[in-house]
Amino acid sequence: MLYDKVSIISVISVSLFLTLMNQQINAQTNTTNNFTKLFEQKSISAVHVFYESPKTVVLRGEGPEFTYLGQAIDVVKEYGFSVDSVTVFTETSQPIGNSTYLTDIYTVFMSRK
């Protein structure tokens, strides 16, 4: 009898935990879509919202054309965010033949208080 009660409590606890985790994931997903949708409405392409929360936004874009990335940064700054840091790495690819293509990938870390 005691084991049955422990089993029921365990099942309820796991179910509650999974429900809370699902709500948190849904909240993060809804938040993440805000800047993505806003960029689409403003025709800002070639910028990916890598991460978004109420206090942090991480954008990713490719160089050497910075127009879209600059526009995206300006939009996010309108919502009270500021740039904390920028990283860049070079991606190498060989899609056809022996030609090597180099692409600079920029990641912009932004936050607000």
PDB file of N, CA and C in Angstrom:
ATOM      1  N   MET A   1       0.816  -1.186   0.000  1.00  0.00           N
ATOM      2  CA  MET A   1       0.000   0.000   0.000  1.00  0.00           C
ATOM      3  C   MET A   1       0.866   1.258   0.000  1.00  0.00           C
ATOM      4  N   LEU A   2       1.908   1.267   0.801  1.00  0.00           N
ATOM      5  CA  LEU A   2       2.804   2.414   0.870  1.00  0.00           C
ATOM      6  C   LEU A   2       3.519   2.606  -0.459  1.00  0.00           C
ATOM      7  N   TYR A   3       3.904   1.509  -1.086  1.00  0.00           N
ATOM      8  CA  TYR A   3       4.593   1.598  -2.376  1.00  0.00           C
ATOM      9  C   TYR A   3       3.675   2.172  -3.459  1.00  0.00           C
ATOM     10  N   ASP A   4       2.390   1.842  -3.396  1.00  0.00           N
ATOM     11  CA  ASP A   4       1.438   2.387  -4.357  1.00  0.00           C
ATOM     12  C   ASP A   4       1.333   3.902  -4.220  1.00  0.00           C
ATOM     13  N   LYS A   5       1.314   4.395  -2.983  1.00  0.00           N
ATOM     14  CA  LYS A   5       1.229   5.830  -2.741  1.00  0.00           C
ATOM     15  C   LYS A   5       2.499   6.528  -3.226  1.00  0.00           C
ATOM     16  N   VAL A   6       3.649   5.899  -2.980  1.00  0.00           N
ATOM     17  CA  VAL A   6       4.923   6.465  -3.432  1.00  0.00           C
ATOM     18  C   VAL A   6       4.952   6.488  -4.962  1.00  0.00           C
ATOM     19  N   SER A   7       4.447   5.443  -5.593  1.00  0.00           N
ATOM     20  CA  SER A   7       4.406   5.383  -7.059  1.00  0.00           C
ATOM     21  C   SER A   7       3.509   6.479  -7.614  1.00  0.00           C
ATOM     22  N   ILE A   8       2.356   6.681  -7.015  1.00  0.00           N
ATOM     23  CA  ILE A   8       1.437   7.712  -7.484  1.00  0.00           C
ATOM     24  C   ILE A   8       2.052   9.094  -7.303  1.00  0.00           C
ATOM     25  N   ILE A   9       2.667   9.335  -6.163  1.00  0.00           N
ATOM     26  CA  ILE A   9       3.317  10.628  -5.920  1.00  0.00           C
ATOM     27  C   ILE A   9       4.457  10.835  -6.912  1.00  0.00           C
ATOM     28  N   SER A  10       5.210   9.797  -7.208  1.00  0.00           N
ATOM     29  CA  SER A  10       6.303   9.909  -8.174  1.00  0.00           C
ATOM     30  C   SER A  10       5.782  10.241  -9.565  1.00  0.00           C
ATOM     31  N   VAL A  11       4.714   9.579  -9.980  1.00  0.00           N
ATOM     32  CA  VAL A  11       4.131   9.834 -11.294  1.00  0.00           C
ATOM     33  C   VAL A  11       3.615  11.270 -11.369  1.00  0.00           C
ATOM     34  N   ILE A  12       2.955  11.727 -10.325  1.00  0.00           N
ATOM     35  CA  ILE A  12       2.443  13.103 -10.296  1.00  0.00           C
ATOM     36  C   ILE A  12       3.597  14.096 -10.329  1.00  0.00           C
ATOM     37  N   SER A  13       4.655  13.818  -9.584  1.00  0.00           N
ATOM     38  CA  SER A  13       5.821  14.715  -9.562  1.00  0.00           C
ATOM     39  C   SER A  13       6.476  14.804 -10.932  1.00  0.00           C
ATOM     40  N   VAL A  14       6.660  13.668 -11.578  1.00  0.00           N
ATOM     41  CA  VAL A  14       7.266  13.654 -12.909  1.00  0.00           C
ATOM     42  C   VAL A  14       6.360  14.380 -13.892  1.00  0.00           C
ATOM     43  N   SER A  15       5.061  14.152 -13.814  1.00  0.00           N
ATOM     44  CA  SER A  15       4.117  14.809 -14.710  1.00  0.00           C
ATOM     45  C   SER A  15       4.138  16.322 -14.509  1.00  0.00           C
ATOM     46  N   LEU A  16       4.166  16.768 -13.264  1.00  0.00           N
ATOM     47  CA  LEU A  16       4.226  18.194 -12.969  1.00  0.00           C
ATOM     48  C   LEU A  16       5.526  18.804 -13.487  1.00  0.00           C
ATOM     49  N   PHE A  17       6.637  18.098 -13.278  1.00  0.00           N
ATOM     50  CA  PHE A  17       7.931  18.570 -13.761  1.00  0.00           C
ATOM     51  C   PHE A  17       7.924  18.711 -15.285  1.00  0.00           C
ATOM     52  N   LEU A  18       7.417  17.710 -15.988  1.00  0.00           N
ATOM     53  CA  LEU A  18       7.371  17.767 -17.450  1.00  0.00           C
ATOM     54  C   LEU A  18       6.456  18.883 -17.941  1.00  0.00           C
ATOM     55  N   THR A  19       5.347  19.106 -17.245  1.00  0.00           N
ATOM     56  CA  THR A  19       4.447  20.201 -17.614  1.00  0.00           C
ATOM     57  C   THR A  19       5.133  21.545 -17.458  1.00  0.00           C
ATOM     58  N   LEU A  20       5.827  21.739 -16.350  1.00  0.00           N
ATOM     59  CA  LEU A  20       6.550  22.991 -16.118  1.00  0.00           C
ATOM     60  C   LEU A  20       7.664  23.198 -17.145  1.00  0.00           C
ATOM     61  N   MET A  21       8.377  22.136 -17.474  1.00  0.00           N
ATOM     62  CA  MET A  21       9.443  22.237 -18.483  1.00  0.00           C
ATOM     63  C   MET A  21       8.842  22.590 -19.839  1.00  0.00           C
ATOM     64  N   ASN A  22       7.722  22.003 -20.192  1.00  0.00           N
ATOM     65  CA  ASN A  22       7.065  22.294 -21.459  1.00  0.00           C
ATOM     66  C   ASN A  22       6.612  23.753 -21.511  1.00  0.00           C
ATOM     67  N   GLN A  23       6.076  24.270 -20.406  1.00  0.00           N
ATOM     68  CA  GLN A  23       5.670  25.673 -20.359  1.00  0.00           C
ATOM     69  C   GLN A  23       6.868  26.593 -20.527  1.00  0.00           C
ATOM     70  N   GLN A  24       7.986  26.233 -19.901  1.00  0.00           N
ATOM     71  CA  GLN A  24       9.196  27.053 -20.022  1.00  0.00           C
ATOM     72  C   GLN A  24       9.711  27.038 -21.458  1.00  0.00           C
ATOM     73  N   ILE A  25       9.704  25.885 -22.091  1.00  0.00           N
ATOM     74  CA  ILE A  25      10.141  25.780 -23.482  1.00  0.00           C
ATOM     75  C   ILE A  25       9.222  26.589 -24.381  1.00  0.00           C
ATOM     76  N   ASN A  26       7.906  26.498 -24.149  1.00  0.00           N
ATOM     77  CA  ASN A  26       6.961  27.272 -24.948  1.00  0.00           C
ATOM     78  C   ASN A  26       7.168  28.762 -24.756  1.00  0.00           C
ATOM     79  N   ALA A  27       7.433  29.192 -23.539  1.00  0.00           N
ATOM     80  CA  ALA A  27       7.672  30.617 -23.279  1.00  0.00           C
ATOM     81  C   ALA A  27       8.922  31.082 -23.997  1.00  0.00           C
ATOM     82  N   GLN A  28       9.973  30.269 -23.971  1.00  0.00           N
ATOM     83  CA  GLN A  28      11.200  30.639 -24.668  1.00  0.00           C
ATOM     84  C   GLN A  28      10.981  30.669 -26.173  1.00  0.00           C
ATOM     85  N   THR A  29      10.220  29.724 -26.678  1.00  0.00           N
ATOM     86  CA  THR A  29       9.952  29.681 -28.111  1.00  0.00           C
ATOM     87  C   THR A  29       9.156  30.903 -28.543  1.00  0.00           C
ATOM     88  N   ASN A  30       8.150  31.278 -27.769  1.00  0.00           N
ATOM     89  CA  ASN A  30       7.358  32.457 -28.106  1.00  0.00           C
ATOM     90  C   ASN A  30       8.212  33.714 -28.080  1.00  0.00           C
ATOM     91  N   THR A  31       9.110  33.824 -27.100  1.00  0.00           N
ATOM     92  CA  THR A  31       9.985  34.990 -27.015  1.00  0.00           C
ATOM     93  C   THR A  31      10.941  35.008 -28.197  1.00  0.00           C
ATOM     94  N   THR A  32      11.471  33.852 -28.547  1.00  0.00           N
ATOM     95  CA  THR A  32      12.432  33.775 -29.633  1.00  0.00           C
ATOM     96  C   THR A  32      11.820  34.240 -30.940  1.00  0.00           C
ATOM     97  N   ASN A  33      10.552  33.995 -31.142  1.00  0.00           N
ATOM     98  CA  ASN A  33       9.911  34.361 -32.389  1.00  0.00           C
ATOM     99  C   ASN A  33       9.684  35.858 -32.543  1.00  0.00           C
ATOM    100  N   ASN A  34       9.765  36.622 -31.476  1.00  0.00           N
ATOM    101  CA  ASN A  34       9.466  38.047 -31.576  1.00  0.00           C
ATOM    102  C   ASN A  34      10.400  38.775 -32.532  1.00  0.00           C
ATOM    103  N   PHE A  35      11.713  38.707 -32.347  1.00  0.00           N
ATOM    104  CA  PHE A  35      12.639  39.409 -33.228  1.00  0.00           C
ATOM    105  C   PHE A  35      12.700  38.751 -34.602  1.00  0.00           C
ATOM    106  N   THR A  36      12.567  37.451 -34.658  1.00  0.00           N
ATOM    107  CA  THR A  36      12.552  36.775 -35.949  1.00  0.00           C
ATOM    108  C   THR A  36      11.396  37.298 -36.801  1.00  0.00           C
ATOM    109  N   LYS A  37      10.215  37.377 -36.221  1.00  0.00           N
ATOM    110  CA  LYS A  37       9.053  37.888 -36.949  1.00  0.00           C
ATOM    111  C   LYS A  37       9.222  39.360 -37.300  1.00  0.00           C
ATOM    112  N   LEU A  38       9.787  40.127 -36.373  1.00  0.00           N
ATOM    113  CA  LEU A  38      10.003  41.546 -36.624  1.00  0.00           C
ATOM    114  C   LEU A  38      10.977  41.751 -37.777  1.00  0.00           C
ATOM    115  N   PHE A  39      12.037  40.950 -37.826  1.00  0.00           N
ATOM    116  CA  PHE A  39      12.999  41.045 -38.938  1.00  0.00           C
ATOM    117  C   PHE A  39      12.323  40.694 -40.260  1.00  0.00           C
ATOM    118  N   GLU A  40      11.462  39.688 -40.241  1.00  0.00           N
ATOM    119  CA  GLU A  40      10.744  39.315 -41.461  1.00  0.00           C
ATOM    120  C   GLU A  40       9.839  40.457 -41.928  1.00  0.00           C
ATOM    121  N   GLN A  41       9.142  41.091 -40.983  1.00  0.00           N
ATOM    122  CA  GLN A  41       8.256  42.201 -41.329  1.00  0.00           C
ATOM    123  C   GLN A  41       9.040  43.373 -41.919  1.00  0.00           C
ATOM    124  N   LYS A  42      10.256  43.587 -41.447  1.00  0.00           N
ATOM    125  CA  LYS A  42      11.075  44.703 -41.921  1.00  0.00           C
ATOM    126  C   LYS A  42      11.976  44.299 -43.086  1.00  0.00           C
ATOM    127  N   SER A  43      11.787  43.095 -43.611  1.00  0.00           N
ATOM    128  CA  SER A  43      12.571  42.563 -44.734  1.00  0.00           C
ATOM    129  C   SER A  43      14.064  42.547 -44.433  1.00  0.00           C
ATOM    130  N   ILE A  44      14.405  42.207 -43.201  1.00  0.00           N
ATOM    131  CA  ILE A  44      15.811  42.050 -42.826  1.00  0.00           C
ATOM    132  C   ILE A  44      16.135  40.566 -42.945  1.00  0.00           C
ATOM    133  N   SER A  45      16.874  40.228 -43.997  1.00  0.00           N
ATOM    134  CA  SER A  45      17.202  38.818 -44.212  1.00  0.00           C
ATOM    135  C   SER A  45      18.669  38.573 -43.864  1.00  0.00           C
ATOM    136  N   ALA A  46      19.075  37.357 -43.934  1.00  0.00           N
ATOM    137  CA  ALA A  46      20.461  36.937 -43.708  1.00  0.00           C
ATOM    138  C   ALA A  46      20.920  37.177 -42.274  1.00  0.00           C
ATOM    139  N   VAL A  47      19.971  37.354 -41.338  1.00  0.00           N
ATOM    140  CA  VAL A  47      20.303  37.463 -39.918  1.00  0.00           C
ATOM    141  C   VAL A  47      19.477  36.425 -39.186  1.00  0.00           C
ATOM    142  N   HIS A  48      20.149  35.663 -38.347  1.00  0.00           N
ATOM    143  CA  HIS A  48      19.493  34.601 -37.598  1.00  0.00           C
ATOM    144  C   HIS A  48      19.462  34.997 -36.125  1.00  0.00           C
ATOM    145  N   VAL A  49      18.284  34.904 -35.500  1.00  0.00           N
ATOM    146  CA  VAL A  49      18.183  35.103 -34.057  1.00  0.00           C
ATOM    147  C   VAL A  49      18.596  33.774 -33.428  1.00  0.00           C
ATOM    148  N   PHE A  50      19.832  33.748 -32.960  1.00  0.00           N
ATOM    149  CA  PHE A  50      20.413  32.521 -32.427  1.00  0.00           C
ATOM    150  C   PHE A  50      19.833  32.186 -31.053  1.00  0.00           C
ATOM    151  N   TYR A  51      19.566  33.236 -30.265  1.00  0.00           N
ATOM    152  CA  TYR A  51      18.990  33.057 -28.930  1.00  0.00           C
ATOM    153  C   TYR A  51      18.289  34.349 -28.534  1.00  0.00           C
ATOM    154  N   GLU A  52      17.175  34.222 -27.819  1.00  0.00           N
ATOM    155  CA  GLU A  52      16.474  35.401 -27.319  1.00  0.00           C
ATOM    156  C   GLU A  52      15.782  35.097 -26.009  1.00  0.00           C
ATOM    157  N   SER A  53      15.955  35.977 -25.045  1.00  0.00           N
ATOM    158  CA  SER A  53      15.247  35.932 -23.772  1.00  0.00           C
ATOM    159  C   SER A  53      14.901  37.374 -23.418  1.00  0.00           C
ATOM    160  N   PRO A  54      14.183  37.597 -22.342  1.00  0.00           N
ATOM    161  CA  PRO A  54      13.844  38.986 -22.003  1.00  0.00           C
ATOM    162  C   PRO A  54      15.064  39.889 -21.771  1.00  0.00           C
ATOM    163  N   LYS A  55      16.208  39.313 -21.412  1.00  0.00           N
ATOM    164  CA  LYS A  55      17.380  40.140 -21.119  1.00  0.00           C
ATOM    165  C   LYS A  55      18.547  39.932 -22.080  1.00  0.00           C
ATOM    166  N   THR A  56      18.456  38.969 -22.975  1.00  0.00           N
ATOM    167  CA  THR A  56      19.586  38.644 -23.850  1.00  0.00           C
ATOM    168  C   THR A  56      19.103  38.351 -25.263  1.00  0.00           C
ATOM    169  N   VAL A  57      19.868  38.839 -26.242  1.00  0.00           N
ATOM    170  CA  VAL A  57      19.628  38.493 -27.641  1.00  0.00           C
ATOM    171  C   VAL A  57      20.981  38.177 -28.266  1.00  0.00           C
ATOM    172  N   VAL A  58      21.045  37.085 -29.009  1.00  0.00           N
ATOM    173  CA  VAL A  58      22.255  36.725 -29.737  1.00  0.00           C
ATOM    174  C   VAL A  58      21.880  36.611 -31.211  1.00  0.00           C
ATOM    175  N   LEU A  59      22.542  37.431 -32.026  1.00  0.00           N
ATOM    176  CA  LEU A  59      22.293  37.454 -33.466  1.00  0.00           C
ATOM    177  C   LEU A  59      23.477  36.832 -34.191  1.00  0.00           C
ATOM    178  N   ARG A  60      23.196  36.238 -35.329  1.00  0.00           N
ATOM    179  CA  ARG A  60      24.268  35.690 -36.153  1.00  0.00           C
ATOM    180  C   ARG A  60      24.037  36.119 -37.591  1.00  0.00           C
ATOM    181  N   GLY A  61      25.091  36.617 -38.219  1.00  0.00           N
ATOM    182  CA  GLY A  61      25.006  37.046 -39.602  1.00  0.00           C
ATOM    183  C   GLY A  61      26.328  36.834 -40.310  1.00  0.00           C
ATOM    184  N   GLU A  62      26.302  36.907 -41.638  1.00  0.00           N
ATOM    185  CA  GLU A  62      27.486  36.676 -42.452  1.00  0.00           C
ATOM    186  C   GLU A  62      28.013  37.989 -43.021  1.00  0.00           C
ATOM    187  N   GLY A  63      29.334  38.064 -43.167  1.00  0.00           N
ATOM    188  CA  GLY A  63      29.976  39.191 -43.840  1.00  0.00           C
ATOM    189  C   GLY A  63      30.309  38.774 -45.253  1.00  0.00           C
ATOM    190  N   PRO A  64      30.778  39.608 -46.088  1.00  0.00           N
ATOM    191  CA  PRO A  64      31.230  40.970 -45.804  1.00  0.00           C
ATOM    192  C   PRO A  64      30.113  42.001 -45.876  1.00  0.00           C
ATOM    193  N   GLU A  65      28.901  41.626 -46.261  1.00  0.00           N
ATOM    194  CA  GLU A  65      27.790  42.573 -46.344  1.00  0.00           C
ATOM    195  C   GLU A  65      27.175  42.736 -44.961  1.00  0.00           C
ATOM    196  N   PHE A  66      27.297  43.930 -44.399  1.00  0.00           N
ATOM    197  CA  PHE A  66      26.827  44.161 -43.034  1.00  0.00           C
ATOM    198  C   PHE A  66      25.498  44.903 -42.962  1.00  0.00           C
ATOM    199  N   THR A  67      24.899  45.203 -44.090  1.00  0.00           N
ATOM    200  CA  THR A  67      23.672  45.991 -44.092  1.00  0.00           C
ATOM    201  C   THR A  67      22.594  45.341 -43.243  1.00  0.00           C
ATOM    202  N   TYR A  68      22.316  44.058 -43.487  1.00  0.00           N
ATOM    203  CA  TYR A  68      21.246  43.387 -42.756  1.00  0.00           C
ATOM    204  C   TYR A  68      21.586  43.219 -41.279  1.00  0.00           C
ATOM    205  N   LEU A  69      22.818  42.868 -40.977  1.00  0.00           N
ATOM    206  CA  LEU A  69      23.220  42.707 -39.585  1.00  0.00           C
ATOM    207  C   LEU A  69      23.136  44.052 -38.859  1.00  0.00           C
ATOM    208  N   GLY A  70      23.576  45.118 -39.509  1.00  0.00           N
ATOM    209  CA  GLY A  70      23.478  46.452 -38.915  1.00  0.00           C
ATOM    210  C   GLY A  70      22.036  46.861 -38.678  1.00  0.00           C
ATOM    211  N   GLN A  71      21.162  46.572 -39.632  1.00  0.00           N
ATOM    212  CA  GLN A  71      19.736  46.889 -39.475  1.00  0.00           C
ATOM    213  C   GLN A  71      19.139  46.099 -38.312  1.00  0.00           C
ATOM    214  N   ALA A  72      19.511  44.829 -38.208  1.00  0.00           N
ATOM    215  CA  ALA A  72      18.994  43.991 -37.124  1.00  0.00           C
ATOM    216  C   ALA A  72      19.465  44.519 -35.768  1.00  0.00           C
ATOM    217  N   ILE A  73      20.717  44.915 -35.669  1.00  0.00           N
ATOM    218  CA  ILE A  73      21.242  45.470 -34.417  1.00  0.00           C
ATOM    219  C   ILE A  73      20.471  46.739 -34.053  1.00  0.00           C
ATOM    220  N   ASP A  74      20.224  47.612 -35.025  1.00  0.00           N
ATOM    221  CA  ASP A  74      19.471  48.840 -34.768  1.00  0.00           C
ATOM    222  C   ASP A  74      18.067  48.535 -34.247  1.00  0.00           C
ATOM    223  N   VAL A  75      17.404  47.540 -34.818  1.00  0.00           N
ATOM    224  CA  VAL A  75      16.059  47.169 -34.374  1.00  0.00           C
ATOM    225  C   VAL A  75      16.094  46.686 -32.931  1.00  0.00           C
ATOM    226  N   VAL A  76      17.036  45.822 -32.602  1.00  0.00           N
ATOM    227  CA  VAL A  76      17.123  45.282 -31.249  1.00  0.00           C
ATOM    228  C   VAL A  76      17.456  46.400 -30.252  1.00  0.00           C
ATOM    229  N   LYS A  77      18.299  47.345 -30.649  1.00  0.00           N
ATOM    230  CA  LYS A  77      18.646  48.467 -29.766  1.00  0.00           C
ATOM    231  C   LYS A  77      17.430  49.338 -29.469  1.00  0.00           C
ATOM    232  N   GLU A  78      16.487  49.423 -30.403  1.00  0.00           N
ATOM    233  CA  GLU A  78      15.257  50.177 -30.168  1.00  0.00           C
ATOM    234  C   GLU A  78      14.457  49.614 -29.003  1.00  0.00           C
ATOM    235  N   TYR A  79      14.686  48.356 -28.646  1.00  0.00           N
ATOM    236  CA  TYR A  79      13.999  47.707 -27.537  1.00  0.00           C
ATOM    237  C   TYR A  79      14.822  47.722 -26.252  1.00  0.00           C
ATOM    238  N   GLY A  80      15.840  48.574 -26.207  1.00  0.00           N
ATOM    239  CA  GLY A  80      16.605  48.762 -24.983  1.00  0.00           C
ATOM    240  C   GLY A  80      17.820  47.870 -24.815  1.00  0.00           C
ATOM    241  N   PHE A  81      18.171  47.110 -25.829  1.00  0.00           N
ATOM    242  CA  PHE A  81      19.346  46.242 -25.747  1.00  0.00           C
ATOM    243  C   PHE A  81      20.585  47.012 -26.192  1.00  0.00           C
ATOM    244  N   SER A  82      21.725  46.601 -25.681  1.00  0.00           N
ATOM    245  CA  SER A  82      22.991  47.181 -26.136  1.00  0.00           C
ATOM    246  C   SER A  82      23.957  46.038 -26.468  1.00  0.00           C
ATOM    247  N   VAL A  83      24.913  46.343 -27.329  1.00  0.00           N
ATOM    248  CA  VAL A  83      25.879  45.333 -27.760  1.00  0.00           C
ATOM    249  C   VAL A  83      26.900  45.120 -26.654  1.00  0.00           C
ATOM    250  N   ASP A  84      27.081  43.873 -26.253  1.00  0.00           N
ATOM    251  CA  ASP A  84      28.080  43.522 -25.249  1.00  0.00           C
ATOM    252  C   ASP A  84      29.383  43.076 -25.898  1.00  0.00           C
ATOM    253  N   SER A  85      29.268  42.253 -26.941  1.00  0.00           N
ATOM    254  CA  SER A  85      30.468  41.773 -27.618  1.00  0.00           C
ATOM    255  C   SER A  85      30.102  41.213 -28.987  1.00  0.00           C
ATOM    256  N   VAL A  86      31.125  41.090 -29.808  1.00  0.00           N
ATOM    257  CA  VAL A  86      30.970  40.529 -31.150  1.00  0.00           C
ATOM    258  C   VAL A  86      32.102  39.537 -31.360  1.00  0.00           C
ATOM    259  N   THR A  87      31.765  38.371 -31.876  1.00  0.00           N
ATOM    260  CA  THR A  87      32.794  37.409 -32.251  1.00  0.00           C
ATOM    261  C   THR A  87      32.710  37.164 -33.751  1.00  0.00           C
ATOM    262  N   VAL A  88      33.821  36.769 -34.328  1.00  0.00           N
ATOM    263  CA  VAL A  88      33.835  36.454 -35.754  1.00  0.00           C
ATOM    264  C   VAL A  88      34.699  35.211 -35.952  1.00  0.00           C
ATOM    265  N   PHE A  89      34.239  34.343 -36.809  1.00  0.00           N
ATOM    266  CA  PHE A  89      35.078  33.227 -37.240  1.00  0.00           C
ATOM    267  C   PHE A  89      34.869  33.044 -38.731  1.00  0.00           C
ATOM    268  N   THR A  90      35.822  32.441 -39.355  1.00  0.00           N
ATOM    269  CA  THR A  90      35.771  32.243 -40.799  1.00  0.00           C
ATOM    270  C   THR A  90      35.408  30.794 -41.093  1.00  0.00           C
ATOM    271  N   GLU A  91      34.391  30.643 -41.891  1.00  0.00           N
ATOM    272  CA  GLU A  91      33.930  29.321 -42.306  1.00  0.00           C
ATOM    273  C   GLU A  91      34.496  29.039 -43.691  1.00  0.00           C
ATOM    274  N   THR A  92      35.051  27.875 -43.873  1.00  0.00           N
ATOM    275  CA  THR A  92      35.635  27.485 -45.147  1.00  0.00           C
ATOM    276  C   THR A  92      34.782  26.394 -45.772  1.00  0.00           C
ATOM    277  N   SER A  93      34.532  26.545 -47.076  1.00  0.00           N
ATOM    278  CA  SER A  93      33.783  25.498 -47.763  1.00  0.00           C
ATOM    279  C   SER A  93      34.321  25.323 -49.176  1.00  0.00           C
ATOM    280  N   GLN A  94      34.170  24.139 -49.709  1.00  0.00           N
ATOM    281  CA  GLN A  94      34.570  23.811 -51.076  1.00  0.00           C
ATOM    282  C   GLN A  94      33.377  23.182 -51.784  1.00  0.00           C
ATOM    283  N   PRO A  95      32.417  24.016 -52.228  1.00  0.00           N
ATOM    284  CA  PRO A  95      31.220  23.417 -52.820  1.00  0.00           C
ATOM    285  C   PRO A  95      31.441  22.792 -54.188  1.00  0.00           C
ATOM    286  N   ILE A  96      32.287  23.395 -55.053  1.00  0.00           N
ATOM    287  CA  ILE A  96      32.472  22.882 -56.403  1.00  0.00           C
ATOM    288  C   ILE A  96      33.948  22.969 -56.759  1.00  0.00           C
ATOM    289  N   GLY A  97      34.490  21.878 -57.251  1.00  0.00           N
ATOM    290  CA  GLY A  97      35.883  21.883 -57.703  1.00  0.00           C
ATOM    291  C   GLY A  97      36.854  22.168 -56.578  1.00  0.00           C
ATOM    292  N   ASN A  98      37.944  22.848 -56.923  1.00  0.00           N
ATOM    293  CA  ASN A  98      38.989  23.140 -55.954  1.00  0.00           C
ATOM    294  C   ASN A  98      38.885  24.547 -55.378  1.00  0.00           C
ATOM    295  N   SER A  99      37.836  25.267 -55.705  1.00  0.00           N
ATOM    296  CA  SER A  99      37.664  26.626 -55.204  1.00  0.00           C
ATOM    297  C   SER A  99      37.341  26.600 -53.715  1.00  0.00           C
ATOM    298  N   THR A 100      38.026  27.433 -52.963  1.00  0.00           N
ATOM    299  CA  THR A 100      37.781  27.549 -51.537  1.00  0.00           C
ATOM    300  C   THR A 100      37.048  28.860 -51.284  1.00  0.00           C
ATOM    301  N   TYR A 101      35.948  28.784 -50.597  1.00  0.00           N
ATOM    302  CA  TYR A 101      35.162  29.961 -50.269  1.00  0.00           C
ATOM    303  C   TYR A 101      35.263  30.231 -48.778  1.00  0.00           C
ATOM    304  N   LEU A 102      35.569  31.469 -48.428  1.00  0.00           N
ATOM    305  CA  LEU A 102      35.672  31.875 -47.033  1.00  0.00           C
ATOM    306  C   LEU A 102      34.515  32.814 -46.716  1.00  0.00           C
ATOM    307  N   THR A 103      33.846  32.544 -45.635  1.00  0.00           N
ATOM    308  CA  THR A 103      32.735  33.383 -45.201  1.00  0.00           C
ATOM    309  C   THR A 103      32.958  33.761 -43.746  1.00  0.00           C
ATOM    310  N   ASP A 104      32.888  35.055 -43.440  1.00  0.00           N
ATOM    311  CA  ASP A 104      32.982  35.502 -42.059  1.00  0.00           C
ATOM    312  C   ASP A 104      31.615  35.392 -41.411  1.00  0.00           C
ATOM    313  N   ILE A 105      31.558  34.734 -40.267  1.00  0.00           N
ATOM    314  CA  ILE A 105      30.322  34.569 -39.510  1.00  0.00           C
ATOM    315  C   ILE A 105      30.440  35.420 -38.244  1.00  0.00           C
ATOM    316  N   TYR A 106      29.524  36.373 -38.093  1.00  0.00           N
ATOM    317  CA  TYR A 106      29.540  37.274 -36.945  1.00  0.00           C
ATOM    318  C   TYR A 106      28.442  36.880 -35.970  1.00  0.00           C
ATOM    319  N   THR A 107      28.794  36.838 -34.687  1.00  0.00           N
ATOM    320  CA  THR A 107      27.836  36.598 -33.631  1.00  0.00           C
ATOM    321  C   THR A 107      27.842  37.830 -32.738  1.00  0.00           C
ATOM    322  N   VAL A 108      26.662  38.422 -32.559  1.00  0.00           N
ATOM    323  CA  VAL A 108      26.532  39.656 -31.790  1.00  0.00           C
ATOM    324  C   VAL A 108      25.752  39.318 -30.503  1.00  0.00           C
ATOM    325  N   PHE A 109      26.378  39.590 -29.370  1.00  0.00           N
ATOM    326  CA  PHE A 109      25.771  39.347 -28.068  1.00  0.00           C
ATOM    327  C   PHE A 109      25.243  40.673 -27.525  1.00  0.00           C
ATOM    328  N   MET A 110      23.945  40.699 -27.201  1.00  0.00           N
ATOM    329  CA  MET A 110      23.308  41.932 -26.733  1.00  0.00           C
ATOM    330  C   MET A 110      22.544  41.633 -25.454  1.00  0.00           C
ATOM    331  N   SER A 111      22.442  42.668 -24.589  1.00  0.00           N
ATOM    332  CA  SER A 111      21.693  42.483 -23.345  1.00  0.00           C
ATOM    333  C   SER A 111      21.041  43.793 -22.929  1.00  0.00           C
ATOM    334  N   ARG A 112      20.131  43.673 -21.982  1.00  0.00           N
ATOM    335  CA  ARG A 112      19.513  44.844 -21.366  1.00  0.00           C
ATOM    336  C   ARG A 112      19.270  44.522 -19.897  1.00  0.00           C
ATOM    337  N   LYS A 113      19.154  45.572 -19.114  1.00  0.00           N
ATOM    338  CA  LYS A 113      18.963  45.389 -17.652  1.00  0.00           C
ATOM    339  C   LYS A 113      17.512  45.261 -17.303  1.00  0.00           C
TER     340      LYS A 113
END
